[in-house]
Protein backbone atom coordinates (compact mmCIF):
# COMPACT_ATOMS: atom_id res chain seq x y z
CA MET A 1 143.12 155.54 62.71
CA SER A 2 139.44 156.68 62.69
CA LEU A 3 138.51 155.59 66.26
CA GLY A 4 138.45 159.23 67.63
CA TYR A 5 136.40 160.50 64.59
CA LEU A 6 133.93 157.70 64.88
CA ALA A 7 133.61 158.36 68.61
CA GLY A 8 132.86 161.93 67.97
CA ILE A 9 130.20 161.30 65.41
CA GLN A 10 128.57 158.81 67.86
CA SER A 11 128.58 161.20 70.82
CA SER A 12 127.44 164.52 69.34
CA GLY A 13 124.12 165.81 68.14
CA PRO A 14 120.55 165.12 69.35
CA ASN A 15 120.48 161.64 68.20
CA ALA A 16 123.85 160.57 69.63
CA SER A 17 124.26 156.99 70.43
CA PHE A 18 126.45 157.71 73.44
CA ASP A 19 126.18 160.36 76.32
CA SER A 20 129.83 161.21 76.06
CA PHE A 21 132.81 161.09 73.92
CA ASP A 22 134.86 159.09 76.29
CA GLU A 23 132.06 156.53 76.53
CA ALA A 24 131.78 156.09 72.79
CA TYR A 25 135.70 156.16 72.39
CA ASP A 26 136.17 153.38 75.06
CA LEU A 27 133.49 151.08 73.67
CA LEU A 28 134.60 151.55 70.11
CA GLN A 29 138.23 150.85 71.20
CA THR A 30 137.14 147.70 72.79
CA VAL A 31 135.36 146.58 69.55
CA ALA A 32 138.35 147.59 67.39
CA GLU A 33 140.62 145.36 69.58
CA GLN A 34 138.29 142.39 69.07
CA ASP A 35 137.82 142.89 65.37
CA PRO A 36 140.39 145.29 63.82
CA THR A 37 138.79 144.95 60.48
CA LEU A 38 135.84 147.01 61.45
CA LEU A 39 137.92 150.26 61.33
CA SER A 40 139.73 149.33 58.21
CA GLU A 41 136.36 148.62 56.56
CA PHE A 42 135.04 151.90 57.53
CA GLU A 43 138.12 153.79 56.27
CA ASP A 44 138.08 151.61 52.89
CA ASP A 45 134.37 152.57 52.54
CA LEU A 46 135.04 156.28 53.16
CA TRP A 47 137.85 156.32 50.39
CA LYS A 48 135.60 154.37 47.92
CA ASN A 49 132.49 156.49 48.49
CA SER A 50 134.07 160.04 49.03
CA ARG A 51 137.72 159.73 48.24
CA GLN A 52 138.69 160.71 51.79
CA GLN A 53 141.42 159.21 53.91
CA PHE A 54 142.80 159.53 57.39
CA VAL A 55 146.35 160.83 57.35
CA TYR A 56 146.75 161.52 60.97
CA SER A 57 144.65 160.60 63.96
CA THR A 58 144.69 160.70 67.72
CA LYS A 59 141.87 160.48 70.33
CA SER A 60 141.13 164.10 69.79
CA ILE A 61 142.45 164.99 66.38
CA SER A 62 141.64 163.63 62.95
CA VAL A 63 143.13 164.91 59.78
CA ILE A 64 141.45 163.77 56.62
CA ASP A 65 142.79 164.23 53.17
CA THR A 66 140.39 164.45 50.14
CA ASP A 67 141.30 163.32 46.74
CA PRO A 68 139.16 165.41 44.25
């Protein structure tokens, strides 16, 4: 679920790893297909560290719920 969110992080800002969102998304999608546990591990860590979870996600929209 977090694929679009991660692509956005990796493609924005002065230290972005990718030149464009689409480039980041395509590569991350390929990686996720090869090893689906990577995204679930990221989401599990996000929940453990900051009590945030993805409740809805598309390529361009991510909705994250926070548990106080």
